[in-house]
């Protein structure tokens, strides 16, 4: 969704550069943490938390979903103001959600087109579901209802996960593969799951993920409000700080957990995302300091293309050419560098950063040619 935004009753404004830069930083971080050169040798901050707790890597996905919500508010506010019929917008929403979901399924069978290995849940699949429901919610409800629904989902999800007995155990349990979300995934989701008998992008945890999108919608509506710029920044920082604080407190009772997308995780990450966006909004769009963010802005203006390019490049570099006994380009390069004595963690990080720059090249070419992948 690469559109300009409009504030009802006010002239059209240029696109929100802070959002592009934030999105670009997030995509670059996602590519970097997903593509270490040596998967067994990675610095701790670049790994996901094994279960409860959080690392910088765990901020990436919820930040992107948060920005999906912000984009929905900015984009569909403009379309509403332009008088575009809701039926037309709903048609486009359905088409975009379906295409995103199918793209996610397609990436799961690459590079060998192994249809027996298809994974129904996934990153793009979750984004498509969040986008679909959040877009409809924005079109047919106001911010007060959205806040109430968000609270209802977060509280309800917390109660379900901590109080409802898991079949086979007779009591509520929050362990990997043994919790209520995992049980539901195992009996409903066909095909491969990311963790064998459960999936971090499963059914039940998608509901609080939708709340992450709703939080983005609320911040987007604040940006579009008729308040002064200073008040917008202050309210964004205040809302972010409150959500971040409540998430930390809720963590005492319902631990921050990305795999389960717990209620505390939603508020903690949404609060941080709101504060980051407010800071970027002030620095880039208000003060005008934007040259430093050109790299991120280019990445962020074509985020879906960057994600697809990274996935395809990764498959090509890690695919073992010559069959099961073959070697990948990654193995050839890493084995050539290992004898230098450079610590393996540094080699792994350099590979990841180089890979991120490699993916930037086609994205930059698309940007220069003014080609943007819009779904």
Protein backbone atom coordinates (compact mmCIF):
# COMPACT_ATOMS: atom_id res chain seq x y z
CA UNK A 1 0.00 0.00 0.00
CA UNK A 2 2.17 2.78 -1.33
CA UNK A 3 -0.31 5.68 -1.37
CA UNK A 4 -0.27 9.29 -0.25
CA UNK A 5 -2.47 10.22 2.69
CA UNK A 6 -5.20 12.78 3.10
CA UNK A 7 -6.53 14.61 6.09
CA UNK A 8 -10.27 15.23 5.63
CA UNK A 9 -10.96 18.89 5.01
CA UNK A 10 -7.30 19.64 4.33
CA UNK A 11 -5.29 19.62 1.08
CA UNK A 12 -3.52 16.46 -0.01
CA UNK A 13 -0.17 15.93 1.63
CA UNK A 14 2.86 13.98 0.42
CA UNK A 15 3.31 10.41 1.58
CA UNK A 16 4.47 9.89 5.12
CA UNK A 17 8.24 9.42 4.73
CA UNK A 18 8.64 8.34 8.35
CA UNK A 19 6.45 5.30 7.63
CA UNK A 20 8.50 4.38 4.56
CA UNK A 21 11.73 4.69 6.54
CA UNK A 22 10.38 2.70 9.47
CA UNK A 23 9.10 0.02 7.07
CA UNK A 24 12.44 -0.04 5.26
CA UNK A 25 14.43 -0.40 8.48
CA UNK A 26 12.10 -3.22 9.49
CA UNK A 27 12.46 -5.04 6.17
CA UNK A 28 16.25 -4.65 6.25
CA UNK A 29 16.30 -6.02 9.80
CA UNK A 30 14.02 -8.90 8.80
CA UNK A 31 16.29 -9.88 5.92
CA UNK A 32 19.41 -9.60 8.07
CA UNK A 33 18.17 -11.75 10.95
CA UNK A 34 16.61 -14.33 8.61
CA UNK A 35 19.77 -14.92 6.59
CA UNK A 36 22.83 -15.61 8.77
CA UNK A 37 25.72 -17.21 6.95
CA UNK A 38 26.09 -19.91 9.60
CA UNK A 39 22.77 -20.65 11.30
CA UNK A 40 24.43 -22.24 14.33
CA UNK A 41 26.68 -19.22 14.89
CA UNK A 42 24.60 -16.11 15.45
CA UNK A 43 24.88 -13.34 18.03
CA UNK A 44 22.10 -13.62 20.63
CA UNK A 45 20.31 -10.33 19.76
CA UNK A 46 19.88 -11.61 16.20
CA UNK A 47 18.03 -14.72 17.35
CA UNK A 48 14.40 -15.07 18.37
CA UNK A 49 13.72 -15.80 22.02
CA UNK A 50 13.37 -19.56 22.39
CA UNK A 51 10.08 -19.20 24.26
CA UNK A 52 9.19 -16.57 26.87
CA UNK A 53 11.04 -13.28 26.70
CA UNK A 54 12.01 -11.04 23.82
CA UNK A 55 15.04 -10.07 21.75
CA UNK A 56 15.49 -7.24 19.22
CA UNK A 57 14.74 -9.78 16.48
CA UNK A 58 11.29 -10.36 17.94
CA UNK A 59 10.37 -6.72 17.31
CA UNK A 60 10.56 -7.09 13.53
CA UNK A 61 7.36 -8.95 12.59
CA UNK A 62 4.99 -7.10 14.96
CA UNK A 63 6.44 -3.76 13.80
CA UNK A 64 5.62 -4.66 10.21
CA UNK A 65 2.06 -5.67 11.11
CA UNK A 66 1.69 -2.46 13.13
CA UNK A 67 2.65 -0.51 10.00
CA UNK A 68 0.08 -2.44 7.98
CA UNK A 69 -2.51 -0.94 10.32
CA UNK A 70 -1.08 2.57 9.96
CA UNK A 71 -1.09 2.22 6.16
CA UNK A 72 -4.72 1.09 6.19
CA UNK A 73 -5.76 4.24 8.04
CA UNK A 74 -3.78 6.55 5.74
CA UNK A 75 -4.81 4.84 2.51
CA UNK A 76 -8.50 4.24 3.09
CA UNK A 77 -9.05 7.64 4.66
CA UNK A 78 -7.93 9.15 1.37
CA UNK A 79 -10.17 6.80 -0.63
CA UNK A 80 -13.15 7.58 1.61
CA UNK A 81 -12.54 11.30 1.14
CA UNK A 82 -12.36 10.78 -2.64
CA UNK A 83 -15.80 9.20 -2.56
CA UNK A 84 -14.73 5.76 -3.71
CA UNK A 85 -17.61 3.31 -3.03
CA UNK A 86 -17.06 0.83 -0.22
CA UNK A 87 -17.92 -2.04 -2.57
CA UNK A 88 -15.00 -1.07 -4.78
CA UNK A 89 -12.65 -0.87 -1.81
CA UNK A 90 -13.85 -4.21 -0.43
CA UNK A 91 -13.20 -5.85 -3.79
CA UNK A 92 -9.61 -4.58 -3.76
CA UNK A 93 -9.17 -5.62 -0.12
CA UNK A 94 -10.29 -9.17 -0.90
CA UNK A 95 -8.05 -9.36 -3.97
CA UNK A 96 -4.98 -8.11 -2.09
CA UNK A 97 -5.54 -10.45 0.84
CA UNK A 98 -5.95 -13.47 -1.43
CA UNK A 99 -2.85 -12.62 -3.48
CA UNK A 100 -0.75 -12.16 -0.33
CA UNK A 101 -1.96 -15.48 1.06
CA UNK A 102 -1.22 -17.31 -2.20
CA UNK A 103 2.24 -15.72 -2.36
CA UNK A 104 2.93 -17.07 1.12
CA UNK A 105 1.87 -20.56 0.07
CA UNK A 106 3.99 -20.28 -3.08
CA UNK A 107 7.12 -19.33 -1.13
CA UNK A 108 6.63 -22.33 1.17
CA UNK A 109 7.12 -24.80 -1.71
CA UNK A 110 10.22 -23.13 -3.16
CA UNK A 111 12.83 -23.83 -4.43
CA UNK A 112 11.91 -27.38 -5.44
CA UNK A 113 8.16 -26.82 -5.84
CA UNK A 114 7.54 -29.52 -3.26
CA UNK A 115 3.75 -29.38 -2.91
CA UNK A 116 3.85 -32.06 -0.19
CA UNK A 117 5.79 -29.55 1.91
CA UNK A 118 3.29 -26.69 1.62
CA UNK A 119 2.77 -24.70 4.81
CA UNK A 120 -0.67 -23.13 5.26
CA UNK A 121 0.33 -20.68 8.05
CA UNK A 122 3.17 -18.27 7.41
CA UNK A 123 4.39 -14.68 7.53
CA UNK A 124 2.64 -13.41 4.39
CA UNK A 125 -0.43 -15.48 5.22
CA UNK A 126 -0.70 -13.81 8.62
CA UNK A 127 -0.18 -10.38 7.10
CA UNK A 128 -2.96 -11.09 4.58
CA UNK A 129 -5.42 -12.10 7.31
CA UNK A 130 -4.55 -9.11 9.52
CA UNK A 131 -4.82 -6.76 6.55
CA UNK A 132 -8.21 -8.17 5.52
CA UNK A 133 -9.88 -7.89 8.91
CA UNK A 134 -8.26 -4.59 9.87
CA UNK A 135 -9.22 -2.97 6.55
CA UNK A 136 -12.86 -4.01 6.96
CA UNK A 137 -12.81 -2.92 10.58
CA UNK A 138 -11.50 0.51 9.59
CA UNK A 139 -14.16 0.95 6.92
CA UNK A 140 -17.08 -0.02 9.13
CA UNK A 141 -16.20 1.15 12.64
CA UNK A 142 -14.79 4.08 14.59
CA UNK A 143 -11.78 4.29 16.85
CA UNK A 144 -13.79 3.75 20.04
CA UNK A 145 -15.18 0.43 18.84
CA UNK A 146 -11.72 -0.57 17.58
CA UNK A 147 -10.22 0.09 21.02
CA UNK A 148 -12.96 -1.89 22.76
CA UNK A 149 -12.55 -4.82 20.36
CA UNK A 150 -8.78 -4.79 20.83
CA UNK A 151 -9.17 -4.90 24.62
CA UNK A 152 -11.77 -7.68 24.36
CA UNK A 153 -9.51 -9.84 22.19
CA UNK A 154 -6.42 -9.33 24.35
CA UNK A 155 -8.23 -10.06 27.61
CA UNK A 156 -10.17 -12.98 26.12
CA UNK A 157 -7.02 -14.50 24.63
CA UNK A 158 -5.20 -14.19 27.96
CA UNK A 159 -8.03 -15.92 29.83
CA UNK A 160 -8.29 -18.71 27.26
CA UNK A 161 -4.57 -19.46 27.25
CA UNK A 162 -4.12 -19.32 31.03
CA UNK A 163 -7.39 -20.81 32.30
CA UNK A 164 -8.85 -23.20 29.69
CA UNK A 165 -7.66 -26.81 30.22
CA UNK A 166 -5.75 -28.27 27.29
CA UNK A 167 -7.25 -31.61 26.14
CA UNK A 168 -4.91 -34.42 27.07
CA UNK A 169 -3.51 -32.53 30.06
CA UNK A 170 -6.60 -31.51 31.99
CA UNK A 171 -5.23 -28.12 32.94
CA UNK A 172 -4.01 -24.93 31.25
CA UNK A 173 -0.39 -25.13 30.17
CA UNK A 174 1.84 -22.68 28.31
CA UNK A 175 4.67 -24.94 27.18
CA UNK A 176 5.84 -25.29 23.54
CA UNK A 177 3.59 -27.64 21.59
CA UNK A 178 1.42 -28.35 24.63
CA UNK A 179 -0.70 -25.22 24.93
CA UNK A 180 -4.25 -24.56 23.71
CA UNK A 181 -3.07 -22.82 20.53
CA UNK A 182 -0.87 -25.79 19.58
CA UNK A 183 -3.70 -28.23 20.27
CA UNK A 184 -6.06 -26.29 18.02
CA UNK A 185 -3.47 -26.05 15.23
CA UNK A 186 -2.82 -29.80 15.37
CA UNK A 187 -6.48 -30.72 14.83
CA UNK A 188 -7.34 -28.06 12.22
CA UNK A 189 -4.31 -27.08 10.13
CA UNK A 190 -3.40 -29.54 7.35
CA UNK A 191 0.06 -29.95 5.87
CA UNK A 192 3.39 -28.93 7.33
CA UNK A 193 3.70 -26.79 10.42
CA UNK A 194 6.81 -24.79 11.24
CA UNK A 195 7.52 -26.59 14.52
CA UNK A 196 6.22 -30.03 13.66
CA UNK A 197 3.02 -30.22 15.68
CA UNK A 198 2.47 -26.46 16.12
CA UNK A 199 3.03 -23.23 14.27
CA UNK A 200 3.94 -19.72 15.53
CA UNK A 201 1.59 -18.28 12.87
CA UNK A 202 -1.25 -20.59 13.87
CA UNK A 203 -4.96 -19.96 14.25
CA UNK A 204 -5.46 -18.78 17.81
CA UNK A 205 -2.44 -16.46 17.93
CA UNK A 206 -3.65 -14.70 14.79
CA UNK A 207 -6.39 -12.99 16.83
CA UNK A 208 -3.98 -10.96 18.99
CA UNK A 209 -1.92 -10.32 15.84
CA UNK A 210 -5.01 -8.58 14.44
CA UNK A 211 -4.90 -6.35 17.52
CA UNK A 212 -1.35 -5.35 16.57
CA UNK A 213 -2.85 -4.17 13.29
CA UNK A 214 -5.66 -2.37 15.11
CA UNK A 215 -3.09 -0.53 17.21
CA UNK A 216 -1.51 0.66 13.97
CA UNK A 217 -4.91 1.83 12.71
CA UNK A 218 -5.42 3.87 15.89
CA UNK A 219 -2.04 5.57 15.48
CA UNK A 220 -2.81 6.19 11.80
CA UNK A 221 -6.05 7.92 12.74
CA UNK A 222 -4.16 10.04 15.25
CA UNK A 223 -1.79 11.13 12.47
CA UNK A 224 -4.80 12.07 10.35
CA UNK A 225 -6.53 14.00 13.12
CA UNK A 226 -6.90 17.80 13.10
CA UNK A 227 -4.68 18.26 16.14
CA UNK A 228 -1.49 20.26 15.86
CA UNK A 229 1.65 18.43 14.80
CA UNK A 230 3.16 18.86 18.25
CA UNK A 231 0.11 17.30 19.91
CA UNK A 232 0.16 14.38 17.47
CA UNK A 233 3.76 13.58 18.33
CA UNK A 234 3.11 13.94 22.06
CA UNK A 235 0.00 11.73 21.95
CA UNK A 236 1.83 9.08 19.88
CA UNK A 237 4.70 9.02 22.35
CA UNK A 238 2.33 8.94 25.32
CA UNK A 239 0.16 6.17 23.84
CA UNK A 240 3.25 4.18 22.95
CA UNK A 241 4.74 4.59 26.41
CA UNK A 242 1.49 3.54 28.13
CA UNK A 243 1.11 0.45 25.90
CA UNK A 244 4.77 -0.44 26.45
CA UNK A 245 4.36 -0.07 30.23
CA UNK A 246 1.14 -2.09 30.42
CA UNK A 247 2.78 -4.79 28.28
CA UNK A 248 5.65 -5.00 30.76
CA UNK A 249 3.23 -5.28 33.70
CA UNK A 250 1.06 -7.86 31.91
CA UNK A 251 4.26 -9.84 31.31
CA UNK A 252 4.26 -10.73 35.01
CA UNK A 253 1.05 -12.71 34.56
CA UNK A 254 0.97 -13.59 30.84
CA UNK A 255 4.59 -13.70 29.65
CA UNK A 256 5.81 -11.85 26.57
CA UNK A 257 6.01 -14.58 23.94
CA UNK A 258 6.27 -14.07 20.17
CA UNK A 259 5.44 -17.69 19.32
CA UNK A 260 2.08 -17.33 21.09
CA UNK A 261 1.75 -13.61 20.24
CA UNK A 262 0.63 -13.06 23.82
CA UNK A 263 -1.35 -10.01 24.89
CA UNK A 264 1.69 -8.63 26.72
CA UNK A 265 3.73 -9.09 23.54
CA UNK A 266 1.14 -7.14 21.54
CA UNK A 267 1.18 -4.11 23.85
CA UNK A 268 4.93 -4.19 24.44
CA UNK A 269 5.81 -4.25 20.72
CA UNK A 270 3.00 -1.93 19.61
CA UNK A 271 4.06 0.61 22.22
CA UNK A 272 7.66 0.48 21.05
CA UNK A 273 6.57 0.77 17.39
CA UNK A 274 4.40 3.81 18.18
CA UNK A 275 7.29 5.56 19.93
CA UNK A 276 9.69 4.79 17.07
CA UNK A 277 7.20 6.05 14.47
CA UNK A 278 6.55 9.21 16.50
CA UNK A 279 10.28 9.90 16.71
CA UNK A 280 10.77 9.32 12.97
CA UNK A 281 7.70 11.45 12.19
CA UNK A 282 9.19 14.33 14.17
CA UNK A 283 12.70 13.98 12.73
CA UNK A 284 11.84 13.25 9.10
CA UNK A 285 8.44 14.76 8.28
CA UNK A 286 8.48 17.73 10.64
CA UNK A 287 12.13 18.75 10.97
CA UNK A 288 12.92 17.59 7.44
CA UNK A 289 16.02 15.51 8.23
CA UNK A 290 15.44 12.77 5.67
CA UNK A 291 18.62 12.23 3.64
CA UNK A 292 20.04 9.84 6.24
CA UNK A 293 17.06 7.53 5.68
CA UNK A 294 17.31 7.23 1.88
CA UNK A 295 18.44 3.58 2.01
CA UNK A 296 15.57 2.62 4.30
CA UNK A 297 13.07 4.75 2.39
CA UNK A 298 13.89 2.94 -0.87
CA UNK A 299 13.57 -0.43 0.84
CA UNK A 300 10.33 0.60 2.53
CA UNK A 301 8.69 1.95 -0.61
CA UNK A 302 8.80 -1.55 -2.15
CA UNK A 303 8.58 -3.77 0.91
CA UNK A 304 6.73 -6.72 -0.62
CA UNK A 305 9.14 -6.84 -3.56
CA UNK A 306 12.09 -6.77 -1.13
CA UNK A 307 10.61 -9.64 0.87
CA UNK A 308 10.04 -11.79 -2.22
CA UNK A 309 13.49 -11.02 -3.63
CA UNK A 310 15.13 -11.97 -0.33
CA UNK A 311 13.25 -15.26 -0.17
CA UNK A 312 14.16 -16.21 -3.74
CA UNK A 313 17.84 -15.20 -3.35
CA UNK A 314 18.03 -17.20 -0.11
CA UNK A 315 16.65 -20.31 -1.80
CA UNK A 316 19.20 -19.99 -4.59
CA UNK A 317 22.17 -19.46 -2.25
CA UNK A 318 21.28 -22.27 0.15
CA UNK A 319 20.02 -24.79 -2.41
CA UNK A 320 22.33 -27.80 -2.71
CA UNK A 321 23.21 -28.07 -6.36
CA UNK A 322 23.92 -31.59 -7.62
CA UNK A 323 21.38 -33.45 -5.50
CA UNK A 324 21.50 -34.55 -1.89
CA UNK A 325 25.28 -34.85 -1.88
CA UNK A 326 25.77 -31.51 -3.59
CA UNK A 327 26.90 -28.26 -2.03
CA UNK A 328 25.28 -24.85 -1.88
CA UNK A 329 26.80 -21.51 -2.80
CA UNK A 330 26.61 -20.63 0.89
CA UNK A 331 28.72 -23.66 1.83
CA UNK A 332 31.34 -22.92 -0.83
CA UNK A 333 31.74 -19.29 0.27
CA UNK A 334 31.68 -19.96 4.01
CA UNK A 335 34.16 -22.86 3.73
CA UNK A 336 36.50 -20.61 1.78
CA UNK A 337 36.41 -17.95 4.52
CA UNK A 338 36.61 -20.21 7.60
CA UNK A 339 40.38 -20.87 7.33
CA UNK A 340 41.06 -17.14 7.81
CA UNK A 341 40.39 -17.57 11.52
CA UNK A 342 37.74 -14.86 11.67
CA UNK A 343 35.23 -15.74 14.44
CA UNK A 344 32.32 -17.62 12.94
CA UNK A 345 29.77 -15.26 14.46
CA UNK A 346 31.39 -12.35 12.62
CA UNK A 347 31.47 -14.33 9.35
CA UNK A 348 27.79 -15.15 9.82
CA UNK A 349 26.93 -11.50 10.46
CA UNK A 350 28.96 -10.23 7.49
CA UNK A 351 27.13 -12.72 5.26
CA UNK A 352 23.77 -11.46 6.55
CA UNK A 353 24.65 -7.79 6.02
CA UNK A 354 26.08 -8.50 2.57
CA UNK A 355 22.95 -10.45 1.67
CA UNK A 356 20.83 -7.47 2.76
CA UNK A 357 22.85 -5.19 0.48
CA UNK A 358 22.57 -7.71 -2.37
CA UNK A 359 18.78 -7.70 -2.06
CA UNK A 360 18.84 -3.89 -2.09
CA UNK A 361 20.28 -3.82 -5.62
CA UNK A 362 17.15 -5.04 -7.46
CA UNK A 363 14.95 -3.00 -5.12
CA UNK A 364 16.97 0.11 -5.98
CA UNK A 365 16.67 -0.64 -9.70
CA UNK A 366 12.91 -0.98 -9.36
CA UNK A 367 12.82 2.31 -7.42
CA UNK A 368 14.81 4.18 -10.09
CA UNK A 369 12.48 2.82 -12.77
CA UNK A 370 9.49 3.84 -10.62
CA UNK A 371 8.25 0.24 -10.47
CA UNK A 372 6.48 -0.57 -7.22
CA UNK A 373 4.91 -3.93 -6.46
CA UNK A 374 1.37 -3.08 -5.42
CA UNK A 375 -0.92 -5.93 -4.58
